Amino acid sequence: MVNWDDSQMRTTYANVVNAASTREEVTLFFGTNQTWNPTAAKTFDVKLEERVVLNPHAAKRLFVLMGAVLAQYEKRFGEIKLEGLQAAAAAAKANGKEN
C-alpha cells in the first residue's frame, strides 16, 4: 500500500512542455506561453518555471500513465487535436523520416 503525503505539494500551471534526454535521465521542462496574440507574433515568449528530472524507468512509467489518462479523457470529451504536431508528423512522413 502506498500512502501519499501531499502536505508539502505545490501546484504549478503549464501550457508549454518540452523534453530532453541523455542515457541516464529524461528531463521535462514546464512553462507558460507569455505571448498574448499568438497569431500576430513572430516569436513566442515562454517562461520556463519547472524542471523535472526522471530516470528512464520512471519516465517510461509516466509515459504509460499519461497515455492511459489521456485515453480516458478523450473517451469522455473527444479527441485532443494537436495541429502543430500533426503537421510536423505529416511532413516527416512525407520526407521519409518517420520512425
N, C-alpha and C. Protein backbone atom coordinates (compact mmCIF):
# COMPACT_ATOMS: atom_id res chain seq x y z
N MET A 1 0.84 -1.18 0.00
CA MET A 1 0.00 0.00 0.00
C MET A 1 0.89 1.24 0.00
N VAL A 2 0.50 2.22 -0.77
CA VAL A 2 1.23 3.49 -0.84
C VAL A 2 0.43 4.55 -0.10
N ASN A 3 1.07 5.25 0.81
CA ASN A 3 0.45 6.39 1.50
C ASN A 3 1.02 7.67 0.88
N TRP A 4 0.19 8.41 0.20
CA TRP A 4 0.61 9.64 -0.47
C TRP A 4 0.53 10.80 0.51
N ASP A 5 1.67 11.44 0.79
CA ASP A 5 1.72 12.60 1.68
C ASP A 5 1.76 13.86 0.81
N ASP A 6 0.65 14.57 0.71
CA ASP A 6 0.60 15.77 -0.11
C ASP A 6 0.68 17.06 0.71
N SER A 7 1.15 16.96 1.93
CA SER A 7 1.19 18.14 2.81
C SER A 7 2.17 19.21 2.31
N GLN A 8 3.18 18.86 1.54
CA GLN A 8 4.15 19.82 1.02
C GLN A 8 4.01 20.04 -0.49
N MET A 9 2.94 19.55 -1.06
CA MET A 9 2.76 19.62 -2.51
C MET A 9 2.46 21.04 -2.96
N ARG A 10 3.03 21.41 -4.12
CA ARG A 10 2.75 22.69 -4.76
C ARG A 10 2.01 22.43 -6.05
N THR A 11 1.27 23.41 -6.51
CA THR A 11 0.60 23.32 -7.79
C THR A 11 1.19 24.35 -8.73
N THR A 12 1.54 23.92 -9.92
CA THR A 12 2.09 24.80 -10.95
C THR A 12 1.30 24.59 -12.22
N TYR A 13 0.91 25.67 -12.89
CA TYR A 13 0.21 25.58 -14.16
C TYR A 13 1.22 25.65 -15.29
N ALA A 14 1.04 24.85 -16.32
CA ALA A 14 1.89 24.91 -17.51
C ALA A 14 1.03 24.73 -18.75
N ASN A 15 1.28 25.56 -19.76
CA ASN A 15 0.63 25.36 -21.05
C ASN A 15 1.66 25.06 -22.14
N VAL A 16 2.91 24.92 -21.72
CA VAL A 16 4.00 24.55 -22.61
C VAL A 16 4.84 23.49 -21.92
N VAL A 17 5.22 22.46 -22.67
CA VAL A 17 6.10 21.42 -22.12
C VAL A 17 7.09 21.01 -23.20
N ASN A 18 8.30 20.70 -22.76
CA ASN A 18 9.32 20.20 -23.66
C ASN A 18 10.10 19.13 -22.92
N ALA A 19 10.87 18.35 -23.65
CA ALA A 19 11.61 17.26 -23.03
C ALA A 19 12.95 17.10 -23.71
N ALA A 20 13.90 16.58 -22.95
CA ALA A 20 15.23 16.24 -23.47
C ALA A 20 15.69 15.00 -22.72
N SER A 21 16.65 14.30 -23.29
CA SER A 21 17.12 13.10 -22.61
C SER A 21 18.60 12.85 -22.85
N THR A 22 19.18 12.14 -21.91
CA THR A 22 20.51 11.56 -22.05
C THR A 22 20.34 10.07 -21.78
N ARG A 23 21.41 9.34 -21.79
CA ARG A 23 21.32 7.91 -21.50
C ARG A 23 20.82 7.67 -20.08
N GLU A 24 21.15 8.54 -19.16
CA GLU A 24 20.84 8.33 -17.74
C GLU A 24 19.57 8.99 -17.26
N GLU A 25 19.04 10.00 -18.00
CA GLU A 25 17.88 10.71 -17.47
C GLU A 25 17.03 11.32 -18.57
N VAL A 26 15.79 11.57 -18.21
CA VAL A 26 14.85 12.29 -19.06
C VAL A 26 14.45 13.54 -18.30
N THR A 27 14.55 14.68 -18.96
CA THR A 27 14.23 15.95 -18.31
C THR A 27 13.00 16.55 -18.98
N LEU A 28 12.03 16.92 -18.16
CA LEU A 28 10.82 17.59 -18.63
C LEU A 28 10.87 19.04 -18.19
N PHE A 29 10.56 19.95 -19.11
CA PHE A 29 10.54 21.38 -18.83
C PHE A 29 9.11 21.88 -18.95
N PHE A 30 8.64 22.59 -17.95
CA PHE A 30 7.27 23.10 -17.94
C PHE A 30 7.29 24.62 -17.83
N GLY A 31 6.40 25.27 -18.56
CA GLY A 31 6.34 26.72 -18.50
C GLY A 31 5.02 27.24 -19.02
N THR A 32 4.97 28.56 -19.16
CA THR A 32 3.76 29.20 -19.67
C THR A 32 4.12 30.08 -20.86
N ASN A 33 3.26 30.03 -21.87
CA ASN A 33 3.41 30.87 -23.04
C ASN A 33 2.97 32.28 -22.64
N GLN A 34 3.87 33.24 -22.78
CA GLN A 34 3.61 34.61 -22.37
C GLN A 34 3.14 35.50 -23.53
N THR A 35 2.92 34.92 -24.71
CA THR A 35 2.51 35.68 -25.88
C THR A 35 1.00 35.87 -25.87
N TRP A 36 0.56 37.11 -25.87
CA TRP A 36 -0.87 37.39 -25.76
C TRP A 36 -1.61 37.24 -27.09
N ASN A 37 -0.95 37.53 -28.20
CA ASN A 37 -1.60 37.42 -29.51
C ASN A 37 -0.76 36.51 -30.40
N PRO A 38 -0.90 35.19 -30.26
CA PRO A 38 -0.03 34.27 -30.98
C PRO A 38 -0.17 34.33 -32.50
N THR A 39 -1.31 34.75 -33.02
CA THR A 39 -1.47 34.81 -34.48
C THR A 39 -0.66 35.96 -35.08
N ALA A 40 -0.43 37.02 -34.32
CA ALA A 40 0.32 38.16 -34.83
C ALA A 40 1.81 38.08 -34.48
N ALA A 41 2.16 37.23 -33.54
CA ALA A 41 3.54 37.17 -33.06
C ALA A 41 4.42 36.34 -33.99
N LYS A 42 5.64 36.82 -34.19
CA LYS A 42 6.63 36.05 -34.95
C LYS A 42 7.46 35.19 -34.01
N THR A 43 7.52 35.59 -32.76
CA THR A 43 8.23 34.81 -31.75
C THR A 43 7.32 34.63 -30.55
N PHE A 44 7.60 33.60 -29.78
CA PHE A 44 6.82 33.31 -28.59
C PHE A 44 7.73 33.39 -27.38
N ASP A 45 7.25 34.03 -26.33
CA ASP A 45 7.99 34.09 -25.08
C ASP A 45 7.43 33.04 -24.13
N VAL A 46 8.27 32.09 -23.76
CA VAL A 46 7.86 31.02 -22.85
C VAL A 46 8.69 31.14 -21.59
N LYS A 47 8.01 31.31 -20.47
CA LYS A 47 8.69 31.39 -19.18
C LYS A 47 8.75 29.98 -18.60
N LEU A 48 9.95 29.39 -18.61
CA LEU A 48 10.12 28.06 -18.02
C LEU A 48 10.16 28.21 -16.51
N GLU A 49 9.31 27.44 -15.84
CA GLU A 49 9.16 27.59 -14.40
C GLU A 49 9.53 26.35 -13.61
N GLU A 50 9.43 25.18 -14.22
CA GLU A 50 9.71 23.94 -13.51
C GLU A 50 10.50 23.00 -14.41
N ARG A 51 11.38 22.23 -13.79
CA ARG A 51 12.11 21.18 -14.47
C ARG A 51 11.99 19.93 -13.62
N VAL A 52 11.62 18.83 -14.25
CA VAL A 52 11.51 17.55 -13.55
C VAL A 52 12.48 16.59 -14.23
N VAL A 53 13.38 16.01 -13.45
CA VAL A 53 14.36 15.07 -13.98
C VAL A 53 13.98 13.67 -13.49
N LEU A 54 13.86 12.74 -14.44
CA LEU A 54 13.45 11.36 -14.14
C LEU A 54 14.50 10.39 -14.66
N ASN A 55 14.61 9.23 -13.99
CA ASN A 55 15.41 8.18 -14.61
C ASN A 55 14.56 7.56 -15.71
N PRO A 56 15.16 6.85 -16.66
CA PRO A 56 14.38 6.32 -17.79
C PRO A 56 13.23 5.40 -17.37
N HIS A 57 13.38 4.64 -16.30
CA HIS A 57 12.30 3.76 -15.86
C HIS A 57 11.10 4.56 -15.36
N ALA A 58 11.35 5.60 -14.58
CA ALA A 58 10.25 6.45 -14.11
C ALA A 58 9.61 7.19 -15.28
N ALA A 59 10.42 7.62 -16.26
CA ALA A 59 9.88 8.30 -17.44
C ALA A 59 8.97 7.36 -18.23
N LYS A 60 9.34 6.10 -18.34
CA LYS A 60 8.50 5.13 -19.07
C LYS A 60 7.19 4.90 -18.32
N ARG A 61 7.25 4.82 -16.99
CA ARG A 61 6.02 4.67 -16.21
C ARG A 61 5.12 5.89 -16.39
N LEU A 62 5.72 7.09 -16.41
CA LEU A 62 4.94 8.31 -16.64
C LEU A 62 4.31 8.28 -18.03
N PHE A 63 5.05 7.84 -19.03
CA PHE A 63 4.55 7.73 -20.39
C PHE A 63 3.32 6.82 -20.45
N VAL A 64 3.39 5.67 -19.81
CA VAL A 64 2.27 4.73 -19.80
C VAL A 64 1.08 5.33 -19.04
N LEU A 65 1.35 5.94 -17.89
CA LEU A 65 0.30 6.55 -17.08
C LEU A 65 -0.39 7.68 -17.83
N MET A 66 0.38 8.57 -18.46
CA MET A 66 -0.21 9.68 -19.21
C MET A 66 -1.01 9.18 -20.40
N GLY A 67 -0.55 8.13 -21.06
CA GLY A 67 -1.31 7.55 -22.17
C GLY A 67 -2.67 7.07 -21.72
N ALA A 68 -2.71 6.40 -20.56
CA ALA A 68 -3.98 5.90 -20.03
C ALA A 68 -4.90 7.05 -19.61
N VAL A 69 -4.34 8.06 -18.96
CA VAL A 69 -5.14 9.21 -18.51
C VAL A 69 -5.72 9.95 -19.72
N LEU A 70 -4.90 10.17 -20.75
CA LEU A 70 -5.38 10.89 -21.93
C LEU A 70 -6.38 10.06 -22.74
N ALA A 71 -6.21 8.75 -22.77
CA ALA A 71 -7.20 7.90 -23.45
C ALA A 71 -8.55 8.01 -22.76
N GLN A 72 -8.56 8.01 -21.44
CA GLN A 72 -9.82 8.18 -20.70
C GLN A 72 -10.42 9.56 -20.96
N TYR A 73 -9.57 10.59 -20.95
CA TYR A 73 -10.04 11.95 -21.21
C TYR A 73 -10.71 12.04 -22.58
N GLU A 74 -10.02 11.51 -23.62
CA GLU A 74 -10.56 11.60 -24.98
C GLU A 74 -11.82 10.76 -25.14
N LYS A 75 -11.93 9.70 -24.40
CA LYS A 75 -13.15 8.88 -24.46
C LYS A 75 -14.34 9.68 -23.92
N ARG A 76 -14.10 10.47 -22.88
CA ARG A 76 -15.17 11.27 -22.28
C ARG A 76 -15.45 12.56 -23.04
N PHE A 77 -14.39 13.25 -23.49
CA PHE A 77 -14.55 14.61 -24.01
C PHE A 77 -14.23 14.77 -25.49
N GLY A 78 -13.72 13.74 -26.14
CA GLY A 78 -13.36 13.84 -27.55
C GLY A 78 -11.87 13.98 -27.75
N GLU A 79 -11.45 13.77 -29.00
CA GLU A 79 -10.04 13.79 -29.35
C GLU A 79 -9.42 15.17 -29.12
N ILE A 80 -8.21 15.17 -28.61
CA ILE A 80 -7.43 16.39 -28.45
C ILE A 80 -6.63 16.58 -29.73
N LYS A 81 -6.87 17.67 -30.43
CA LYS A 81 -6.18 17.95 -31.69
C LYS A 81 -4.91 18.75 -31.40
N LEU A 82 -3.81 18.29 -31.92
CA LEU A 82 -2.53 18.99 -31.80
C LEU A 82 -2.06 19.33 -33.21
N GLU A 83 -2.55 20.42 -33.74
CA GLU A 83 -2.31 20.80 -35.13
C GLU A 83 -0.82 20.86 -35.47
N GLY A 84 -0.04 21.52 -34.66
CA GLY A 84 1.39 21.66 -34.94
C GLY A 84 2.10 20.33 -34.99
N LEU A 85 1.81 19.45 -34.05
CA LEU A 85 2.45 18.14 -34.02
C LEU A 85 1.99 17.27 -35.17
N GLN A 86 0.71 17.34 -35.52
CA GLN A 86 0.20 16.54 -36.62
C GLN A 86 0.81 16.99 -37.94
N ALA A 87 0.98 18.29 -38.13
CA ALA A 87 1.60 18.81 -39.35
C ALA A 87 3.06 18.40 -39.42
N ALA A 88 3.76 18.45 -38.29
CA ALA A 88 5.17 18.05 -38.26
C ALA A 88 5.32 16.57 -38.55
N ALA A 89 4.42 15.74 -38.01
CA ALA A 89 4.47 14.30 -38.27
C ALA A 89 4.20 14.01 -39.74
N ALA A 90 3.25 14.71 -40.34
CA ALA A 90 2.95 14.51 -41.76
C ALA A 90 4.13 14.92 -42.63
N ALA A 91 4.79 16.03 -42.28
CA ALA A 91 5.95 16.48 -43.04
C ALA A 91 7.10 15.49 -42.92
N ALA A 92 7.32 14.96 -41.72
CA ALA A 92 8.38 13.98 -41.52
C ALA A 92 8.09 12.71 -42.32
N LYS A 93 6.84 12.29 -42.34
CA LYS A 93 6.44 11.10 -43.10
C LYS A 93 6.67 11.34 -44.59
N ALA A 94 6.31 12.52 -45.08
CA ALA A 94 6.47 12.84 -46.50
C ALA A 94 7.95 12.87 -46.89
N ASN A 95 8.81 13.25 -45.94
CA ASN A 95 10.25 13.31 -46.21
C ASN A 95 10.96 12.01 -45.90
N GLY A 96 10.21 10.97 -45.55
CA GLY A 96 10.80 9.67 -45.26
C GLY A 96 11.52 9.60 -43.93
N LYS A 97 11.17 10.46 -42.98
CA LYS A 97 11.84 10.49 -41.67
C LYS A 97 10.96 9.96 -40.57
N GLU A 98 9.96 9.18 -40.93
CA GLU A 98 9.03 8.64 -39.93
C GLU A 98 9.73 7.54 -39.16
N ASN A 99 9.44 7.45 -37.85
CA ASN A 99 10.02 6.39 -37.01
C ASN A 99 9.39 5.07 -37.31
